[in-house]
């Protein structure tokens, strides 16, 4: 059994191969596109082999292709790797050798690699989120044009009636009119893209029982439910319910020593899109569920400056409840 460490970059991959005794057999460098790399690597290794590389853009494709070649593939967590081998001397070849040795010793900090369908679902969720962000920026730019020339916008500016008003409103000069018209065209184009993306997301979500289960929570819509289900993937992979909060970066940083506990801001690890959706959904859940509202108010302590802290804590509580629901299959019964 050979143990192979890969330091992967877009156009270059450094490879270190260890034998069954942990000794370096050879070090190689591959230059070119990823498309031919798996077969190229197989030609340089005889017999069974295990391979490890850091999670990066496109790691899922590389994982699938190397698995098809019969390799035992491990994907390492980049953040935990930095903690393991901090070094003053760092090169691609050194990193590849360190990865190979961690694999040989069985000390690779792994990441979960979802299936191809699940990865594509996540990609569509992130794509839709980026489209919404671009639409928001377009709306803000349009309002900025109106403010620049002291034009008061009516309520409901983004409704059909509001957009019709915006097309016909008198603006100062052809240049301003051109900007206004192009921003409106951009807005309509983004609306169409978002509708198409959401239609596909709805189709996927309707086929997944977990999405329907999470939507029994008052205030949780399809976008939040599908994002949580897609990123949790397999609820059983979390050994404890508390781990789900850490996965989504909703737990506080801790720097405790000498018997003193010091807690800071949340870690913000994991997918930022899901964390944002959870916080937005929590405001709705607090309004609709008496138990969650009582929890929110207890954290607030009647102070307005603690509302953000309270809603983050509520989002943490909510996602833990969601994880428990996905494990047991029970519908929402209300927070105790």
Protein backbone atom coordinates (compact mmCIF):
# COMPACT_ATOMS: atom_id res chain seq x y z
CA UNK A 1 0.00 0.00 0.00
CA UNK A 2 1.43 3.35 -1.06
CA UNK A 3 0.52 6.59 0.69
CA UNK A 4 0.30 9.65 -1.54
CA UNK A 5 0.17 13.29 -0.50
CA UNK A 6 -1.02 15.92 -2.98
CA UNK A 7 -0.54 19.67 -2.71
CA UNK A 8 -3.12 20.80 -5.25
CA UNK A 9 -3.18 24.06 -7.21
CA UNK A 10 -5.03 25.12 -10.34
CA UNK A 11 -2.21 24.34 -12.78
CA UNK A 12 0.34 22.46 -10.69
CA UNK A 13 0.18 19.55 -8.26
CA UNK A 14 3.06 18.45 -6.05
CA UNK A 15 3.07 14.73 -5.24
CA UNK A 16 4.91 12.77 -2.56
CA UNK A 17 4.67 8.94 -2.53
CA UNK A 18 5.55 6.85 0.54
CA UNK A 19 5.99 3.07 0.57
CA UNK A 20 4.38 0.66 3.02
CA UNK A 21 7.06 1.50 5.61
CA UNK A 22 6.55 5.25 5.41
CA UNK A 23 9.71 5.98 3.41
CA UNK A 24 9.69 8.45 0.54
CA UNK A 25 9.68 6.58 -2.77
CA UNK A 26 9.50 9.53 -5.14
CA UNK A 27 8.47 13.14 -5.43
CA UNK A 28 6.78 14.37 -8.59
CA UNK A 29 5.30 17.53 -10.00
CA UNK A 30 2.36 17.53 -12.40
CA UNK A 31 1.78 20.60 -14.54
CA UNK A 32 -1.39 20.93 -16.55
CA UNK A 33 -5.17 20.76 -16.18
CA UNK A 34 -6.87 18.49 -13.69
CA UNK A 35 -8.64 16.52 -16.42
CA UNK A 36 -5.75 14.17 -17.14
CA UNK A 37 -4.23 14.10 -13.66
CA UNK A 38 -5.96 11.01 -12.16
CA UNK A 39 -4.86 8.74 -15.02
CA UNK A 40 -1.40 10.32 -15.00
CA UNK A 41 -1.06 9.58 -11.29
CA UNK A 42 -2.20 5.98 -11.75
CA UNK A 43 0.59 5.37 -14.27
CA UNK A 44 3.18 6.37 -11.65
CA UNK A 45 1.86 4.12 -8.86
CA UNK A 46 1.77 0.34 -8.99
CA UNK A 47 -0.69 -1.58 -6.83
CA UNK A 48 -2.99 -0.28 -4.10
CA UNK A 49 -2.65 3.25 -2.82
CA UNK A 50 -4.25 5.79 -0.51
CA UNK A 51 -4.23 9.50 -1.29
CA UNK A 52 -4.85 12.70 0.65
CA UNK A 53 -5.23 16.35 -0.34
CA UNK A 54 -6.67 19.49 1.21
CA UNK A 55 -10.27 20.54 0.58
CA UNK A 56 -10.22 23.19 -2.12
CA UNK A 57 -12.27 24.41 -5.07
CA UNK A 58 -13.16 21.33 -7.13
CA UNK A 59 -12.16 18.85 -4.43
CA UNK A 60 -15.35 16.84 -5.02
CA UNK A 61 -14.49 16.12 -8.65
CA UNK A 62 -10.97 15.05 -7.75
CA UNK A 63 -12.31 12.85 -4.94
CA UNK A 64 -14.73 11.09 -7.32
CA UNK A 65 -12.14 10.54 -10.06
CA UNK A 66 -9.47 9.15 -7.74
CA UNK A 67 -12.04 6.90 -6.06
CA UNK A 68 -12.98 5.47 -9.48
CA UNK A 69 -9.33 4.51 -9.96
CA UNK A 70 -9.50 2.39 -6.80
CA UNK A 71 -7.73 4.78 -4.45
CA UNK A 72 -8.61 5.13 -0.78
CA UNK A 73 -9.16 8.91 -0.77
CA UNK A 74 -9.03 11.25 2.22
CA UNK A 75 -9.81 14.96 2.04
CA UNK A 76 -8.11 16.97 4.79
CA UNK A 77 -9.57 19.96 6.65
CA UNK A 78 -7.38 22.99 5.74
CA UNK A 79 -8.03 24.87 8.99
CA UNK A 80 -7.04 21.93 11.17
CA UNK A 81 -4.00 21.21 9.02
CA UNK A 82 -2.67 24.71 9.71
CA UNK A 83 -2.83 23.92 13.41
CA UNK A 84 -1.03 20.59 12.93
CA UNK A 85 1.97 21.72 10.93
CA UNK A 86 2.82 25.29 11.54
CA UNK A 87 6.28 25.79 10.06
CA UNK A 88 8.67 28.58 9.17
CA UNK A 89 9.66 26.76 5.98
CA UNK A 90 6.77 26.03 3.65
CA UNK A 91 6.83 24.86 0.03
CA UNK A 92 4.48 22.79 -2.10
CA UNK A 93 6.82 19.78 -2.02
CA UNK A 94 7.17 20.00 1.78
CA UNK A 95 3.39 20.26 2.18
CA UNK A 96 2.84 17.20 -0.04
CA UNK A 97 5.30 15.18 2.05
CA UNK A 98 3.67 16.25 5.31
CA UNK A 99 0.26 15.25 3.98
CA UNK A 100 1.59 11.84 2.94
CA UNK A 101 3.10 11.27 6.40
CA UNK A 102 -0.12 12.28 8.15
CA UNK A 103 -1.95 9.78 5.94
CA UNK A 104 0.57 7.05 6.79
CA UNK A 105 0.15 7.76 10.51
CA UNK A 106 -3.66 7.86 10.26
CA UNK A 107 -3.78 11.44 11.56
CA UNK A 108 -5.53 13.23 8.68
CA UNK A 109 -8.25 15.62 9.96
CA UNK A 110 -11.02 14.69 7.51
CA UNK A 111 -13.84 16.67 5.95
CA UNK A 112 -17.15 15.20 4.86
CA UNK A 113 -17.39 14.76 1.09
CA UNK A 114 -21.05 14.83 -0.02
CA UNK A 115 -22.36 13.03 -3.08
CA UNK A 116 -22.32 14.68 -6.51
CA UNK A 117 -26.06 15.43 -6.35
CA UNK A 118 -25.69 17.02 -2.93
CA UNK A 119 -22.72 19.11 -4.07
CA UNK A 120 -24.68 20.37 -7.06
CA UNK A 121 -27.62 21.21 -4.80
CA UNK A 122 -25.32 23.26 -2.57
CA UNK A 123 -23.82 25.01 -5.61
CA UNK A 124 -27.29 26.03 -6.81
CA UNK A 125 -28.16 27.37 -3.34
CA UNK A 126 -24.98 29.45 -3.32
CA UNK A 127 -25.59 30.61 -6.91
CA UNK A 128 -29.09 31.79 -6.06
CA UNK A 129 -27.72 33.59 -2.99
CA UNK A 130 -25.16 35.45 -5.14
CA UNK A 131 -27.89 36.44 -7.60
CA UNK A 132 -29.97 37.89 -4.77
CA UNK A 133 -26.92 39.85 -3.58
CA UNK A 134 -26.39 41.27 -7.06
CA UNK A 135 -30.06 42.23 -7.27
CA UNK A 136 -29.82 44.04 -3.93
CA UNK A 137 -26.79 45.99 -5.15
CA UNK A 138 -28.66 46.92 -8.34
CA UNK A 139 -31.61 48.21 -6.32
CA UNK A 140 -29.29 50.23 -4.09
CA UNK A 141 -27.58 51.73 -7.14
CA UNK A 142 -30.96 52.72 -8.57
CA UNK A 143 -32.00 54.43 -5.35
CA UNK A 144 -28.64 56.22 -5.29
CA UNK A 145 -29.37 57.70 -8.74
CA UNK A 146 -32.72 58.98 -7.48
CA UNK A 147 -31.20 60.48 -4.33
CA UNK A 148 -28.44 62.18 -6.31
CA UNK A 149 -31.03 64.20 -8.21
CA UNK A 150 -33.44 64.67 -5.28
CA UNK A 151 -36.17 62.51 -6.80
CA UNK A 152 -38.54 61.13 -4.17
CA UNK A 153 -39.35 57.48 -4.88
CA UNK A 154 -42.85 56.19 -4.10
CA UNK A 155 -43.54 53.30 -1.77
CA UNK A 156 -43.38 49.94 -3.45
CA UNK A 157 -40.70 51.01 -5.89
CA UNK A 158 -39.95 47.42 -6.92
CA UNK A 159 -43.55 46.44 -7.65
CA UNK A 160 -44.80 46.51 -11.25
CA UNK A 161 -46.42 49.90 -10.64
CA UNK A 162 -43.25 51.26 -9.03
CA UNK A 163 -41.06 50.08 -11.88
CA UNK A 164 -43.44 51.63 -14.42
CA UNK A 165 -43.10 54.93 -12.54
CA UNK A 166 -39.32 54.57 -12.56
CA UNK A 167 -39.24 54.08 -16.34
CA UNK A 168 -41.30 57.21 -16.97
CA UNK A 169 -39.92 59.55 -14.31
CA UNK A 170 -38.17 62.64 -15.66
CA UNK A 171 -34.43 62.64 -14.97
CA UNK A 172 -31.79 65.26 -15.68
CA UNK A 173 -29.97 64.44 -18.90
CA UNK A 174 -29.48 61.51 -21.25
CA UNK A 175 -26.61 60.06 -19.22
CA UNK A 176 -28.76 59.68 -16.11
CA UNK A 177 -31.58 58.22 -18.16
CA UNK A 178 -29.17 55.69 -19.65
CA UNK A 179 -28.00 54.60 -16.18
CA UNK A 180 -31.60 54.34 -14.98
CA UNK A 181 -32.65 52.25 -18.00
CA UNK A 182 -29.67 49.89 -17.76
CA UNK A 183 -30.18 49.35 -14.04
CA UNK A 184 -33.82 48.48 -14.68
CA UNK A 185 -32.80 46.04 -17.43
CA UNK A 186 -30.26 44.48 -15.09
CA UNK A 187 -32.90 44.17 -12.39
CA UNK A 188 -35.35 42.43 -14.71
CA UNK A 189 -32.63 40.08 -15.95
CA UNK A 190 -31.64 39.15 -12.39
CA UNK A 191 -35.30 38.62 -11.45
CA UNK A 192 -35.62 36.13 -14.31
CA UNK A 193 -32.44 34.28 -13.28
CA UNK A 194 -33.58 34.10 -9.65
CA UNK A 195 -37.02 32.77 -10.63
CA UNK A 196 -35.39 30.06 -12.73
CA UNK A 197 -32.96 29.09 -9.97
CA UNK A 198 -35.72 29.03 -7.36
CA UNK A 199 -37.90 26.91 -9.63
CA UNK A 200 -35.15 24.29 -9.83
CA UNK A 201 -34.55 24.52 -6.08
CA UNK A 202 -38.27 24.00 -5.44
CA UNK A 203 -38.22 20.91 -7.65
CA UNK A 204 -35.28 19.44 -5.71
CA UNK A 205 -36.72 20.41 -2.34
CA UNK A 206 -40.11 18.84 -3.05
CA UNK A 207 -38.39 15.51 -3.62
CA UNK A 208 -36.55 15.64 -0.26
CA UNK A 209 -38.61 14.76 2.85
CA UNK A 210 -36.22 16.69 5.11
CA UNK A 211 -37.19 20.01 3.52
CA UNK A 212 -40.90 19.40 4.12
CA UNK A 213 -40.10 18.34 7.71
CA UNK A 214 -38.20 21.55 8.53
CA UNK A 215 -40.93 23.68 6.97
CA UNK A 216 -43.27 22.58 9.78
CA UNK A 217 -41.34 25.09 11.92
CA UNK A 218 -43.35 28.35 11.89
CA UNK A 219 -41.35 31.02 10.08
CA UNK A 220 -38.98 28.65 8.22
CA UNK A 221 -39.41 28.92 4.47
CA UNK A 222 -38.15 26.77 1.60
CA UNK A 223 -34.84 28.61 1.15
CA UNK A 224 -33.76 28.14 4.78
CA UNK A 225 -35.01 24.55 4.98
CA UNK A 226 -33.25 23.43 1.81
CA UNK A 227 -29.98 25.11 2.78
CA UNK A 228 -29.90 23.43 6.21
CA UNK A 229 -30.78 20.02 4.74
CA UNK A 230 -28.19 20.31 1.96
CA UNK A 231 -25.33 21.29 4.26
CA UNK A 232 -26.16 18.87 7.06
CA UNK A 233 -26.49 16.15 4.39
CA UNK A 234 -26.32 13.14 6.72
CA UNK A 235 -27.48 14.04 10.25
CA UNK A 236 -25.82 10.91 11.65
CA UNK A 237 -22.34 12.23 10.82
CA UNK A 238 -22.51 14.60 13.79
CA UNK A 239 -21.67 12.67 16.93
CA UNK A 240 -23.41 15.20 19.19
CA UNK A 241 -26.23 17.65 18.68
CA UNK A 242 -23.97 20.43 19.99
CA UNK A 243 -21.56 19.88 17.11
CA UNK A 244 -24.09 21.26 14.64
CA UNK A 245 -23.74 24.78 16.08
CA UNK A 246 -19.97 24.65 15.70
CA UNK A 247 -20.33 23.39 12.12
CA UNK A 248 -22.36 26.46 11.16
CA UNK A 249 -20.11 28.83 13.12
CA UNK A 250 -22.78 29.85 15.64
CA UNK A 251 -20.77 29.08 18.79
CA UNK A 252 -18.60 31.72 20.53
CA UNK A 253 -14.84 31.80 20.34
CA UNK A 254 -13.24 30.74 23.62
CA UNK A 255 -9.94 31.77 25.21
CA UNK A 256 -10.12 30.33 28.71
CA UNK A 257 -7.17 29.91 31.03
CA UNK A 258 -6.38 29.83 34.73
CA UNK A 259 -9.94 28.98 35.68
CA UNK A 260 -11.34 32.02 33.86
CA UNK A 261 -13.69 31.57 30.94
CA UNK A 262 -13.47 34.16 28.19
CA UNK A 263 -16.01 34.00 25.38
CA UNK A 264 -15.89 36.21 22.30
CA UNK A 265 -17.81 36.65 19.06
CA UNK A 266 -19.07 33.63 17.16
CA UNK A 267 -16.49 31.70 15.13
CA UNK A 268 -18.28 32.18 11.77
CA UNK A 269 -16.95 28.84 10.58
CA UNK A 270 -18.80 26.88 7.94
CA UNK A 271 -21.18 28.10 5.23
CA UNK A 272 -21.96 31.81 5.65
CA UNK A 273 -25.06 31.55 3.45
CA UNK A 274 -26.76 29.10 5.79
CA UNK A 275 -25.80 31.12 8.85
CA UNK A 276 -27.38 34.23 7.31
CA UNK A 277 -30.56 32.37 6.37
CA UNK A 278 -30.83 30.90 9.87
CA UNK A 279 -30.57 34.34 11.48
CA UNK A 280 -33.19 35.75 9.10
CA UNK A 281 -35.53 32.82 9.77
CA UNK A 282 -35.02 33.18 13.52
CA UNK A 283 -36.66 36.62 13.49
CA UNK A 284 -39.76 35.03 11.98
CA UNK A 285 -39.71 32.04 14.34
CA UNK A 286 -39.47 34.37 17.36
CA UNK A 287 -42.64 36.14 16.19
CA UNK A 288 -44.56 32.90 15.61
CA UNK A 289 -43.47 30.50 18.35
CA UNK A 290 -44.05 31.35 22.01
CA UNK A 291 -41.23 29.12 23.29
CA UNK A 292 -38.62 30.60 20.98
CA UNK A 293 -39.86 34.10 21.79
CA UNK A 294 -39.43 33.44 25.51
CA UNK A 295 -35.89 32.15 24.88
CA UNK A 296 -35.06 35.24 22.79
CA UNK A 297 -36.38 37.60 25.47
CA UNK A 298 -34.46 35.76 28.18
CA UNK A 299 -31.21 36.34 26.31
CA UNK A 300 -32.15 39.95 25.57
CA UNK A 301 -32.70 40.75 29.28
CA UNK A 302 -34.84 43.67 28.17
CA UNK A 303 -31.87 45.44 26.55
CA UNK A 304 -32.06 46.56 22.94
CA UNK A 305 -28.30 46.33 22.47
CA UNK A 306 -28.50 42.57 23.13
CA UNK A 307 -30.98 41.82 20.33
CA UNK A 308 -28.29 40.72 17.87
CA UNK A 309 -26.72 38.47 20.50
CA UNK A 310 -30.15 37.04 21.28
CA UNK A 311 -31.06 36.35 17.64
CA UNK A 312 -27.72 34.59 17.07
CA UNK A 313 -28.34 32.43 20.13
CA UNK A 314 -31.85 31.73 18.84
CA UNK A 315 -30.44 30.69 15.46
CA UNK A 316 -28.08 28.31 17.28
CA UNK A 317 -31.00 26.81 19.21
CA UNK A 318 -33.07 26.59 16.02
CA UNK A 319 -30.46 24.71 13.99
CA UNK A 320 -29.93 22.24 16.83
CA UNK A 321 -33.67 21.60 16.84
CA UNK A 322 -33.56 21.14 13.07
CA UNK A 323 -30.78 18.58 13.40
CA UNK A 324 -32.79 16.66 16.00
CA UNK A 325 -35.85 16.71 13.73
CA UNK A 326 -33.85 15.33 10.80
CA UNK A 327 -32.48 12.56 13.03
CA UNK A 328 -35.84 11.49 14.47
CA UNK A 329 -38.24 12.47 11.69
CA UNK A 330 -40.50 14.30 14.15
CA UNK A 331 -42.33 17.46 13.13
CA UNK A 332 -41.97 20.74 15.05
CA UNK A 333 -43.69 20.60 18.43
CA UNK A 334 -42.73 24.04 19.68
CA UNK A 335 -39.75 25.08 21.76
CA UNK A 336 -39.92 24.20 25.42
